[in-house]
Amino acid sequence: MPHHPTAPRRAAPAALAMALALALSACGGGDDGARGTGDARVSAQEAPPPASGGRPAQGESVTGAVVEAPGRVAYQVLAQRVEVSAPAAAAEAVADPADARGRVLAVAYVRYTHRSGPPLTGVAAVRDTTAVFADGVRGGLLAGAPESAPGCEDPYGVTGWGRGESHVFCAAYLVPADAGSIEVHWSDEGGSPFVWTFPQG
C-alpha cells in the first residue's frame, strides 16, 4: 500500500501555528498581570503621606504623633489663648531691660492631651516644637519664664502622664509691641506646623 507523506507535512505547520498562538497568548497574559502588579506597586509607593499642618481656627484642636522616651504617642493639641503683657512687664522679665525695648511678653497657653500610646515616664517632648510668632516672625524665647504664670503647669513636675490626661504648658516669647497678630505654632513628628492666629489691637 503506497504511503502519502504530504498530509502529515501539511498538518505539522497547522499544529505549530496553533501551539505558537497559545504560547503568545500565555505570554501576553502574564505580561499584563506583571504590568498590573507593577503599576499597583508604583501607585502605592507614590501615594502621598498623610497631610500635616494647617491653620486651625481659634478653639479648634489638632492631632499629631510625637516620639517620646517610652515610644510614639498621639496627642490632641489646642492653643487656648495668648496673653500679652505691658511693655514694663517685658522689661522685668529679662536681665537687660534694653533687650525688651519696643517689645511685649506674649505667653501662649497650649493644652496637650494624651490620646494613645505608652504612658510617659519623664518630661514630655510634645511641647518642644511649640513657638510663638508675631506677624510671621518668630519671637524671642524666654526660657523658664512661663511656669510661674497663673494657669501654667511646670512640665518638669508632670510624671506618669497617661491616656486621656491633659496638661496646659505655656511658652513665653518677646514680640514687637505693635504686632498685628500673634501666631502659636506646633508641629508633630517631622510634620509641617499647625498655626493658630490671634489678632491684636
N, C-alpha and C. Protein backbone atom coordinates (compact mmCIF):
# COMPACT_ATOMS: atom_id res chain seq x y z
N MET A 1 0.86 -1.20 0.00
CA MET A 1 0.00 0.00 0.00
C MET A 1 0.88 1.23 0.00
N PRO A 2 0.68 2.15 -0.93
CA PRO A 2 1.57 3.32 -1.03
C PRO A 2 1.34 4.28 0.14
N HIS A 3 2.41 4.97 0.55
CA HIS A 3 2.33 5.97 1.64
C HIS A 3 2.16 7.35 1.03
N HIS A 4 1.46 8.24 1.72
CA HIS A 4 1.25 9.62 1.26
C HIS A 4 1.84 10.57 2.30
N PRO A 5 3.11 10.92 2.22
CA PRO A 5 3.76 11.74 3.25
C PRO A 5 3.33 13.18 3.26
N THR A 6 2.59 13.63 2.24
CA THR A 6 2.26 15.06 2.17
C THR A 6 1.27 15.49 3.24
N ALA A 7 0.34 14.62 3.63
CA ALA A 7 -0.67 15.02 4.62
C ALA A 7 -0.06 15.38 5.96
N PRO A 8 0.84 14.52 6.51
CA PRO A 8 1.46 14.92 7.77
C PRO A 8 2.23 16.21 7.68
N ARG A 9 2.86 16.48 6.52
CA ARG A 9 3.61 17.73 6.39
C ARG A 9 2.67 18.94 6.45
N ARG A 10 1.47 18.81 5.86
CA ARG A 10 0.52 19.92 5.91
C ARG A 10 -0.03 20.12 7.33
N ALA A 11 -0.19 19.01 8.06
CA ALA A 11 -0.75 19.12 9.41
C ALA A 11 0.25 19.72 10.39
N ALA A 12 1.54 19.45 10.20
CA ALA A 12 2.55 19.93 11.13
C ALA A 12 2.58 21.45 11.24
N PRO A 13 2.59 22.20 10.11
CA PRO A 13 2.57 23.67 10.24
C PRO A 13 1.34 24.18 10.97
N ALA A 14 0.19 23.53 10.73
CA ALA A 14 -1.03 23.99 11.41
C ALA A 14 -0.92 23.80 12.91
N ALA A 15 -0.41 22.63 13.31
CA ALA A 15 -0.24 22.37 14.75
C ALA A 15 0.76 23.32 15.36
N LEU A 16 1.84 23.58 14.62
CA LEU A 16 2.87 24.51 15.11
C LEU A 16 2.31 25.92 15.28
N ALA A 17 1.50 26.32 14.29
CA ALA A 17 0.91 27.66 14.37
C ALA A 17 0.00 27.79 15.58
N MET A 18 -0.80 26.71 15.83
CA MET A 18 -1.69 26.74 16.98
C MET A 18 -0.91 26.80 18.28
N ALA A 19 0.16 26.00 18.38
CA ALA A 19 0.98 26.00 19.59
C ALA A 19 1.62 27.35 19.81
N LEU A 20 2.09 27.97 18.71
CA LEU A 20 2.71 29.29 18.81
C LEU A 20 1.71 30.34 19.28
N ALA A 21 0.47 30.24 18.74
CA ALA A 21 -0.56 31.19 19.14
C ALA A 21 -0.88 31.06 20.62
N LEU A 22 -0.96 29.81 21.11
CA LEU A 22 -1.22 29.59 22.53
C LEU A 22 -0.09 30.13 23.39
N ALA A 23 1.14 29.91 22.94
CA ALA A 23 2.29 30.39 23.70
C ALA A 23 2.31 31.90 23.78
N LEU A 24 2.03 32.56 22.63
CA LEU A 24 2.00 34.03 22.62
C LEU A 24 0.89 34.56 23.51
N SER A 25 -0.27 33.87 23.48
CA SER A 25 -1.39 34.30 24.32
C SER A 25 -1.03 34.20 25.79
N ALA A 26 -0.37 33.09 26.16
CA ALA A 26 0.03 32.90 27.55
C ALA A 26 1.03 33.95 27.97
N CYS A 27 2.00 34.26 27.10
CA CYS A 27 2.99 35.28 27.42
C CYS A 27 2.34 36.64 27.60
N GLY A 28 1.39 36.94 26.69
CA GLY A 28 0.73 38.24 26.77
C GLY A 28 -0.02 38.39 28.07
N GLY A 29 -0.74 37.34 28.49
CA GLY A 29 -1.49 37.42 29.75
C GLY A 29 -0.58 37.61 30.93
N GLY A 30 0.56 36.88 30.94
CA GLY A 30 1.50 37.03 32.05
C GLY A 30 2.08 38.41 32.10
N ASP A 31 2.36 39.01 30.95
CA ASP A 31 2.94 40.34 30.91
C ASP A 31 1.96 41.37 31.45
N ASP A 32 0.65 41.21 31.06
CA ASP A 32 -0.35 42.15 31.56
C ASP A 32 -0.46 42.06 33.07
N GLY A 33 -0.41 40.81 33.60
CA GLY A 33 -0.50 40.63 35.05
C GLY A 33 0.67 41.26 35.76
N ALA A 34 1.88 41.06 35.20
CA ALA A 34 3.07 41.64 35.81
C ALA A 34 3.00 43.14 35.78
N ARG A 35 2.51 43.68 34.60
CA ARG A 35 2.40 45.12 34.48
C ARG A 35 1.41 45.67 35.50
N GLY A 36 0.28 44.95 35.66
CA GLY A 36 -0.72 45.41 36.61
C GLY A 36 -0.18 45.42 38.03
N THR A 37 0.55 44.36 38.39
CA THR A 37 1.14 44.30 39.73
C THR A 37 2.15 45.41 39.93
N GLY A 38 2.96 45.62 38.88
CA GLY A 38 3.96 46.69 38.97
C GLY A 38 3.33 48.05 39.10
N ASP A 39 2.24 48.28 38.31
CA ASP A 39 1.55 49.57 38.39
C ASP A 39 0.98 49.79 39.78
N ALA A 40 0.40 48.72 40.37
CA ALA A 40 -0.16 48.85 41.71
C ALA A 40 0.92 49.16 42.72
N ARG A 41 2.11 48.50 42.52
CA ARG A 41 3.21 48.73 43.44
C ARG A 41 3.70 50.17 43.33
N VAL A 42 3.83 50.68 42.11
CA VAL A 42 4.28 52.06 41.90
C VAL A 42 3.29 53.04 42.49
N SER A 43 1.96 52.76 42.27
CA SER A 43 0.95 53.66 42.81
C SER A 43 1.03 53.73 44.32
N ALA A 44 1.26 52.56 44.95
CA ALA A 44 1.37 52.54 46.41
C ALA A 44 2.58 53.32 46.88
N GLN A 45 3.69 53.21 46.13
CA GLN A 45 4.90 53.91 46.52
C GLN A 45 4.77 55.41 46.33
N GLU A 46 3.98 55.81 45.32
CA GLU A 46 3.85 57.24 45.01
C GLU A 46 2.74 57.91 45.80
N ALA A 47 1.99 57.13 46.59
CA ALA A 47 0.91 57.72 47.38
C ALA A 47 1.48 58.75 48.35
N PRO A 48 0.92 59.96 48.39
CA PRO A 48 1.46 60.99 49.27
C PRO A 48 1.24 60.64 50.73
N PRO A 49 2.12 61.11 51.63
CA PRO A 49 1.93 60.87 53.06
C PRO A 49 0.74 61.64 53.58
N PRO A 50 0.18 61.25 54.72
CA PRO A 50 -0.95 61.98 55.29
C PRO A 50 -0.61 63.45 55.50
N ALA A 51 -1.59 64.30 55.26
CA ALA A 51 -1.36 65.74 55.38
C ALA A 51 -1.06 66.11 56.82
N SER A 52 -0.19 67.09 57.00
CA SER A 52 0.15 67.58 58.32
C SER A 52 0.24 69.09 58.25
N GLY A 53 -0.10 69.73 59.34
CA GLY A 53 -0.03 71.19 59.36
C GLY A 53 -1.30 71.82 58.83
N GLY A 54 -1.38 73.13 59.01
CA GLY A 54 -2.55 73.87 58.56
C GLY A 54 -2.81 75.04 59.49
N ARG A 55 -3.98 75.66 59.31
CA ARG A 55 -4.34 76.82 60.11
C ARG A 55 -5.69 76.58 60.79
N PRO A 56 -5.67 75.89 61.92
CA PRO A 56 -6.92 75.66 62.64
C PRO A 56 -7.50 76.98 63.17
N ALA A 57 -8.80 77.00 63.32
CA ALA A 57 -9.46 78.19 63.86
C ALA A 57 -9.23 78.26 65.37
N GLN A 58 -9.47 79.43 65.93
CA GLN A 58 -9.37 79.56 67.38
C GLN A 58 -10.37 78.61 68.04
N GLY A 59 -9.91 77.86 69.02
CA GLY A 59 -10.76 76.88 69.68
C GLY A 59 -10.76 75.52 69.03
N GLU A 60 -10.10 75.38 67.89
CA GLU A 60 -10.04 74.10 67.18
C GLU A 60 -8.76 73.35 67.54
N SER A 61 -8.90 72.09 67.92
CA SER A 61 -7.74 71.28 68.28
C SER A 61 -7.28 70.45 67.09
N VAL A 62 -6.04 69.97 67.16
CA VAL A 62 -5.46 69.14 66.11
C VAL A 62 -4.86 67.90 66.76
N THR A 63 -4.57 66.90 65.94
CA THR A 63 -3.99 65.66 66.44
C THR A 63 -2.71 65.35 65.70
N GLY A 64 -1.70 64.92 66.44
CA GLY A 64 -0.42 64.55 65.84
C GLY A 64 0.34 63.62 66.77
N ALA A 65 1.34 62.96 66.22
CA ALA A 65 2.13 61.99 66.99
C ALA A 65 3.53 62.52 67.25
N VAL A 66 4.06 62.20 68.42
CA VAL A 66 5.39 62.61 68.84
C VAL A 66 6.10 61.40 69.44
N VAL A 67 7.39 61.27 69.13
CA VAL A 67 8.17 60.18 69.71
C VAL A 67 8.66 60.61 71.09
N GLU A 68 8.11 59.99 72.12
CA GLU A 68 8.53 60.24 73.49
C GLU A 68 9.50 59.13 73.92
N ALA A 69 10.07 59.25 75.11
CA ALA A 69 11.03 58.26 75.58
C ALA A 69 10.47 56.84 75.59
N PRO A 70 9.21 56.62 76.03
CA PRO A 70 8.69 55.24 76.04
C PRO A 70 8.24 54.74 74.67
N GLY A 71 8.03 55.66 73.70
CA GLY A 71 7.54 55.26 72.39
C GLY A 71 6.72 56.38 71.74
N ARG A 72 6.04 56.02 70.65
CA ARG A 72 5.26 57.00 69.89
C ARG A 72 3.92 57.27 70.58
N VAL A 73 3.62 58.55 70.78
CA VAL A 73 2.40 58.95 71.49
C VAL A 73 1.60 59.91 70.61
N ALA A 74 0.30 59.67 70.51
CA ALA A 74 -0.59 60.57 69.77
C ALA A 74 -1.19 61.58 70.75
N TYR A 75 -1.15 62.85 70.36
CA TYR A 75 -1.66 63.93 71.21
C TYR A 75 -2.75 64.71 70.48
N GLN A 76 -3.66 65.26 71.27
CA GLN A 76 -4.58 66.28 70.78
C GLN A 76 -4.07 67.61 71.35
N VAL A 77 -3.90 68.59 70.48
CA VAL A 77 -3.25 69.84 70.89
C VAL A 77 -4.17 71.02 70.57
N LEU A 78 -4.24 71.95 71.50
CA LEU A 78 -5.05 73.15 71.31
C LEU A 78 -4.33 74.36 71.89
N ALA A 79 -4.09 75.36 71.07
CA ALA A 79 -3.59 76.65 71.56
C ALA A 79 -4.80 77.41 72.09
N GLN A 80 -4.92 77.49 73.40
CA GLN A 80 -6.12 78.06 74.00
C GLN A 80 -6.20 79.57 73.87
N ARG A 81 -5.09 80.24 74.17
CA ARG A 81 -5.10 81.71 74.12
C ARG A 81 -3.67 82.22 74.19
N VAL A 82 -3.54 83.52 73.95
CA VAL A 82 -2.26 84.21 74.12
C VAL A 82 -2.51 85.44 74.97
N GLU A 83 -1.74 85.58 76.03
CA GLU A 83 -1.85 86.77 76.89
C GLU A 83 -0.64 87.66 76.64
N VAL A 84 -0.90 88.93 76.38
CA VAL A 84 0.15 89.89 76.05
C VAL A 84 0.30 90.87 77.21
N SER A 85 1.53 91.05 77.67
CA SER A 85 1.80 91.91 78.82
C SER A 85 1.99 93.36 78.39
N ALA A 86 2.11 94.21 79.38
CA ALA A 86 2.50 95.59 79.13
C ALA A 86 4.02 95.64 78.90
N PRO A 87 4.53 96.67 78.22
CA PRO A 87 5.98 96.76 77.99
C PRO A 87 6.81 96.70 79.27
N ALA A 88 6.29 97.25 80.37
CA ALA A 88 7.04 97.23 81.62
C ALA A 88 7.28 95.81 82.11
N ALA A 89 6.29 94.93 81.93
CA ALA A 89 6.43 93.54 82.36
C ALA A 89 7.48 92.82 81.53
N ALA A 90 7.58 93.17 80.26
CA ALA A 90 8.60 92.56 79.41
C ALA A 90 9.99 92.97 79.87
N ALA A 91 10.16 94.23 80.26
CA ALA A 91 11.46 94.70 80.73
C ALA A 91 11.87 94.00 82.01
N GLU A 92 10.89 93.68 82.85
CA GLU A 92 11.20 92.99 84.11
C GLU A 92 11.55 91.52 83.90
N ALA A 93 11.15 90.96 82.76
CA ALA A 93 11.35 89.53 82.53
C ALA A 93 12.73 89.20 81.98
N VAL A 94 13.50 90.22 81.60
CA VAL A 94 14.82 89.97 81.01
C VAL A 94 15.90 90.57 81.90
N ALA A 95 17.12 90.06 81.74
CA ALA A 95 18.23 90.55 82.56
C ALA A 95 18.59 91.99 82.22
N ASP A 96 18.55 92.32 80.93
CA ASP A 96 18.87 93.67 80.48
C ASP A 96 17.61 94.30 79.89
N PRO A 97 17.03 95.29 80.55
CA PRO A 97 15.80 95.90 80.06
C PRO A 97 15.90 96.43 78.63
N ALA A 98 17.11 96.74 78.19
CA ALA A 98 17.28 97.23 76.82
C ALA A 98 16.87 96.18 75.80
N ASP A 99 16.98 94.90 76.17
CA ASP A 99 16.60 93.82 75.25
C ASP A 99 15.10 93.78 75.00
N ALA A 100 14.33 94.41 75.88
CA ALA A 100 12.87 94.38 75.76
C ALA A 100 12.31 95.68 75.22
N ARG A 101 13.17 96.60 74.79
CA ARG A 101 12.69 97.89 74.30
C ARG A 101 11.82 97.69 73.05
N GLY A 102 10.61 98.24 73.09
CA GLY A 102 9.69 98.12 71.96
C GLY A 102 9.03 96.76 71.86
N ARG A 103 9.16 95.95 72.91
CA ARG A 103 8.61 94.60 72.88
C ARG A 103 7.69 94.36 74.06
N VAL A 104 6.87 93.33 73.91
CA VAL A 104 5.98 92.90 74.99
C VAL A 104 6.16 91.40 75.17
N LEU A 105 5.66 90.91 76.29
CA LEU A 105 5.76 89.49 76.58
C LEU A 105 4.47 88.80 76.15
N ALA A 106 4.58 87.84 75.25
CA ALA A 106 3.42 87.07 74.78
C ALA A 106 3.52 85.65 75.35
N VAL A 107 2.52 85.27 76.13
CA VAL A 107 2.51 83.94 76.75
C VAL A 107 1.40 83.11 76.10
N ALA A 108 1.78 82.02 75.45
CA ALA A 108 0.82 81.13 74.80
C ALA A 108 0.45 80.00 75.75
N TYR A 109 -0.84 79.78 75.92
CA TYR A 109 -1.35 78.68 76.74
C TYR A 109 -1.78 77.55 75.80
N VAL A 110 -1.11 76.42 75.90
CA VAL A 110 -1.38 75.30 74.99
C VAL A 110 -1.73 74.05 75.81
N ARG A 111 -2.86 73.45 75.46
CA ARG A 111 -3.30 72.23 76.15
C ARG A 111 -2.92 71.00 75.31
N TYR A 112 -2.27 70.05 75.96
CA TYR A 112 -1.85 68.80 75.32
C TYR A 112 -2.58 67.64 75.99
N THR A 113 -3.26 66.81 75.20
CA THR A 113 -4.00 65.67 75.72
C THR A 113 -3.42 64.38 75.15
N HIS A 114 -3.04 63.47 76.03
CA HIS A 114 -2.50 62.15 75.64
C HIS A 114 -3.66 61.31 75.11
N ARG A 115 -3.62 60.91 73.83
CA ARG A 115 -4.71 60.16 73.22
C ARG A 115 -4.42 58.66 73.10
N SER A 116 -3.22 58.30 72.73
CA SER A 116 -2.87 56.88 72.59
C SER A 116 -1.37 56.72 72.67
N GLY A 117 -0.95 55.50 72.98
CA GLY A 117 0.47 55.23 73.12
C GLY A 117 0.83 54.95 74.57
N PRO A 118 2.10 54.67 74.82
CA PRO A 118 2.53 54.33 76.18
C PRO A 118 2.49 55.54 77.11
N PRO A 119 2.28 55.32 78.40
CA PRO A 119 2.32 56.44 79.35
C PRO A 119 3.72 57.01 79.46
N LEU A 120 3.79 58.32 79.69
CA LEU A 120 5.09 58.97 79.81
C LEU A 120 5.69 58.70 81.18
N THR A 121 6.99 58.60 81.20
CA THR A 121 7.70 58.37 82.46
C THR A 121 8.65 59.52 82.79
N GLY A 122 8.78 60.47 81.88
CA GLY A 122 9.68 61.60 82.11
C GLY A 122 9.08 62.87 81.55
N VAL A 123 9.91 63.87 81.32
CA VAL A 123 9.45 65.16 80.79
C VAL A 123 8.99 64.98 79.35
N ALA A 124 7.81 65.51 79.05
CA ALA A 124 7.22 65.35 77.72
C ALA A 124 7.98 66.16 76.67
N ALA A 125 8.14 65.55 75.49
CA ALA A 125 8.78 66.23 74.37
C ALA A 125 7.77 66.95 73.48
N VAL A 126 6.48 66.73 73.73
CA VAL A 126 5.45 67.26 72.85
C VAL A 126 5.48 68.79 72.76
N ARG A 127 5.94 69.45 73.81
CA ARG A 127 5.95 70.92 73.82
C ARG A 127 7.16 71.51 73.12
N ASP A 128 8.12 70.66 72.75
CA ASP A 128 9.39 71.17 72.21
C ASP A 128 9.23 71.90 70.88
N THR A 129 8.18 71.58 70.12
CA THR A 129 8.01 72.21 68.81
C THR A 129 7.03 73.39 68.87
N THR A 130 6.63 73.79 70.06
CA THR A 130 5.74 74.94 70.21
C THR A 130 6.55 76.23 70.16
N ALA A 131 6.06 77.21 69.42
CA ALA A 131 6.75 78.50 69.31
C ALA A 131 5.73 79.60 69.06
N VAL A 132 6.12 80.83 69.39
CA VAL A 132 5.25 81.99 69.20
C VAL A 132 5.87 82.91 68.16
N PHE A 133 5.05 83.30 67.19
CA PHE A 133 5.46 84.21 66.12
C PHE A 133 4.60 85.47 66.19
N ALA A 134 5.14 86.56 65.66
CA ALA A 134 4.38 87.80 65.55
C ALA A 134 4.50 88.29 64.11
N ASP A 135 3.37 88.43 63.45
CA ASP A 135 3.35 88.84 62.03
C ASP A 135 4.27 87.96 61.19
N GLY A 136 4.29 86.67 61.48
CA GLY A 136 5.07 85.73 60.70
C GLY A 136 6.52 85.60 61.08
N VAL A 137 6.98 86.35 62.09
CA VAL A 137 8.39 86.31 62.51
C VAL A 137 8.46 85.71 63.91
N ARG A 138 9.35 84.73 64.08
CA ARG A 138 9.48 84.08 65.38
C ARG A 138 9.96 85.06 66.44
N GLY A 139 9.33 85.00 67.62
CA GLY A 139 9.73 85.87 68.72
C GLY A 139 10.95 85.35 69.44
N GLY A 140 11.33 86.06 70.51
CA GLY A 140 12.48 85.65 71.31
C GLY A 140 12.04 84.85 72.52
N LEU A 141 12.48 83.61 72.61
CA LEU A 141 12.05 82.71 73.68
C LEU A 141 12.61 83.14 75.03
N LEU A 142 11.76 83.12 76.04
CA LEU A 142 12.18 83.36 77.42
C LEU A 142 12.09 82.03 78.16
N ALA A 143 13.19 81.33 78.27
CA ALA A 143 13.20 80.01 78.90
C ALA A 143 12.89 80.11 80.38
N GLY A 144 12.00 79.25 80.86
CA GLY A 144 11.69 79.18 82.28
C GLY A 144 10.72 80.23 82.77
N ALA A 145 10.38 81.21 81.94
CA ALA A 145 9.52 82.30 82.41
C ALA A 145 8.06 81.91 82.61
N PRO A 146 7.47 81.06 81.76
CA PRO A 146 6.02 80.89 81.85
C PRO A 146 5.52 80.00 82.98
N GLU A 147 6.39 79.20 83.58
CA GLU A 147 5.91 78.24 84.57
C GLU A 147 5.26 78.91 85.78
N SER A 148 5.65 80.16 86.04
CA SER A 148 5.10 80.86 87.20
C SER A 148 3.81 81.60 86.88
N ALA A 149 3.41 81.66 85.60
CA ALA A 149 2.19 82.37 85.22
C ALA A 149 0.97 81.58 85.67
N PRO A 150 -0.09 82.26 86.09
CA PRO A 150 -1.31 81.57 86.53
C PRO A 150 -1.87 80.68 85.42
N GLY A 151 -2.23 79.45 85.77
CA GLY A 151 -2.81 78.54 84.79
C GLY A 151 -1.80 77.75 83.99
N CYS A 152 -0.50 77.99 84.22
CA CYS A 152 0.55 77.26 83.50
C CYS A 152 1.15 76.20 84.41
N GLU A 153 1.27 74.99 83.91
CA GLU A 153 1.87 73.91 84.68
C GLU A 153 3.38 73.83 84.42
N ASP A 154 4.08 73.31 85.40
CA ASP A 154 5.51 73.09 85.26
C ASP A 154 5.73 71.75 84.56
N PRO A 155 6.26 71.73 83.33
CA PRO A 155 6.42 70.46 82.61
C PRO A 155 7.35 69.48 83.31
N TYR A 156 8.25 70.01 84.14
CA TYR A 156 9.19 69.14 84.85
C TYR A 156 8.55 68.50 86.09
N GLY A 157 7.36 68.97 86.43
CA GLY A 157 6.66 68.40 87.57
C GLY A 157 5.59 67.40 87.19
N VAL A 158 5.42 67.16 85.89
CA VAL A 158 4.39 66.22 85.41
C VAL A 158 5.04 64.86 85.18
N THR A 159 4.57 63.86 85.91
CA THR A 159 5.10 62.50 85.76
C THR A 159 3.94 61.51 85.63
N GLY A 160 4.21 60.37 85.00
CA GLY A 160 3.18 59.34 84.86
C GLY A 160 2.01 59.78 84.01
N TRP A 161 2.27 60.53 82.96
CA TRP A 161 1.22 61.07 82.10
C TRP A 161 0.66 59.96 81.22
N GLY A 162 -0.64 59.63 81.38
CA GLY A 162 -1.25 58.52 80.65
C GLY A 162 -2.38 58.95 79.74
N ARG A 163 -2.98 57.97 79.09
CA ARG A 163 -4.04 58.21 78.10
C ARG A 163 -5.23 58.95 78.72
N GLY A 164 -5.71 59.95 77.99
CA GLY A 164 -6.86 60.73 78.43
C GLY A 164 -6.51 61.90 79.33
N GLU A 165 -5.26 62.01 79.74
CA GLU A 165 -4.84 63.06 80.66
C GLU A 165 -4.38 64.30 79.89
N SER A 166 -4.77 65.47 80.38
CA SER A 166 -4.41 66.74 79.73
C SER A 166 -3.58 67.61 80.65
N HIS A 167 -2.70 68.39 80.05
CA HIS A 167 -1.89 69.35 80.79
C HIS A 167 -1.75 70.62 79.95
N VAL A 168 -1.70 71.76 80.63
CA VAL A 168 -1.51 73.05 79.96
C VAL A 168 -0.11 73.55 80.25
N PHE A 169 0.68 73.65 79.19
CA PHE A 169 2.02 74.21 79.29
C PHE A 169 2.04 75.54 78.54
N CYS A 170 2.89 76.44 78.99
CA CYS A 170 2.94 77.76 78.39
C CYS A 170 4.29 78.03 77.76
N ALA A 171 4.28 78.89 76.76
CA ALA A 171 5.50 79.31 76.09
C ALA A 171 5.53 80.83 76.07
N ALA A 172 6.59 81.42 76.60
CA ALA A 172 6.71 82.88 76.70
C ALA A 172 7.74 83.40 75.71
N TYR A 173 7.34 84.39 74.93
CA TYR A 173 8.23 84.96 73.91
C TYR A 173 8.13 86.48 73.94
N LEU A 174 9.23 87.14 73.61
CA LEU A 174 9.21 88.59 73.40
C LEU A 174 8.86 88.85 71.94
N VAL A 175 7.86 89.71 71.72
CA VAL A 175 7.42 90.04 70.36
C VAL A 175 7.27 91.56 70.26
N PRO A 176 7.28 92.11 69.05
CA PRO A 176 7.10 93.56 68.89
C PRO A 176 5.77 94.04 69.47
N ALA A 177 5.81 95.17 70.14
CA ALA A 177 4.61 95.70 70.78
C ALA A 177 3.54 96.08 69.76
N ASP A 178 3.95 96.40 68.53
CA ASP A 178 2.98 96.84 67.53
C ASP A 178 2.57 95.71 66.58
N ALA A 179 2.77 94.47 66.96
CA ALA A 179 2.42 93.34 66.08
C ALA A 179 0.92 93.32 65.81
N GLY A 180 0.57 93.05 64.57
CA GLY A 180 -0.84 92.98 64.20
C GLY A 180 -1.49 91.66 64.57
N SER A 181 -0.69 90.59 64.62
CA SER A 181 -1.23 89.29 65.00
C SER A 181 -0.12 88.46 65.64
N ILE A 182 -0.53 87.58 66.51
CA ILE A 182 0.40 86.65 67.15
C ILE A 182 -0.03 85.24 66.79
N GLU A 183 0.93 84.42 66.38
CA GLU A 183 0.62 83.05 65.97
C GLU A 183 1.31 82.06 66.90
N VAL A 184 0.59 81.01 67.23
CA VAL A 184 1.16 79.90 68.00
C VAL A 184 1.37 78.74 67.05
N HIS A 185 2.61 78.28 66.96
CA HIS A 185 2.96 77.17 66.07
C HIS A 185 3.19 75.91 66.88
N TRP A 186 2.71 74.78 66.35
CA TRP A 186 3.06 73.47 66.91
C TRP A 186 3.09 72.47 65.77
N SER A 187 4.08 71.59 65.77
CA SER A 187 4.18 70.56 64.73
C SER A 187 4.41 69.20 65.35
N ASP A 188 3.88 68.16 64.68
CA ASP A 188 4.10 66.81 65.15
C ASP A 188 5.42 66.30 64.58
N GLU A 189 5.70 65.01 64.78
CA GLU A 189 6.99 64.43 64.41
C GLU A 189 7.22 64.54 62.90
N GLY A 190 8.18 65.41 62.50
CA GLY A 190 8.54 65.55 61.10
C GLY A 190 7.50 66.22 60.23
N GLY A 191 6.47 66.82 60.82
CA GLY A 191 5.39 67.41 60.04
C GLY A 191 5.51 68.92 59.90
N SER A 192 4.62 69.47 59.09
CA SER A 192 4.54 70.93 58.93
C SER A 192 3.78 71.50 60.13
N PRO A 193 4.01 72.77 60.45
CA PRO A 193 3.37 73.33 61.65
C PRO A 193 1.88 73.59 61.48
N PHE A 194 1.17 73.43 62.57
CA PHE A 194 -0.19 73.94 62.70
C PHE A 194 -0.06 75.34 63.29
N VAL A 195 -0.85 76.28 62.79
CA VAL A 195 -0.70 77.69 63.19
C VAL A 195 -2.05 78.25 63.63
N TRP A 196 -2.13 78.63 64.89
CA TRP A 196 -3.31 79.34 65.40
C TRP A 196 -2.99 80.84 65.40
N THR A 197 -3.89 81.63 64.87
CA THR A 197 -3.66 83.08 64.77
C THR A 197 -4.56 83.83 65.75
N PHE A 198 -3.95 84.76 66.48
CA PHE A 198 -4.67 85.58 67.44
C PHE A 198 -4.44 87.05 67.07
N PRO A 199 -5.43 87.69 66.41
CA PRO A 199 -5.27 89.09 66.03
C PRO A 199 -5.09 89.99 67.25
N GLN A 200 -4.32 91.05 67.08
CA GLN A 200 -4.04 92.01 68.16
C GLN A 200 -4.59 93.38 67.78
N GLY A 201 -4.89 94.18 68.80
CA GLY A 201 -5.32 95.54 68.55
C GLY A 201 -6.79 95.67 68.19
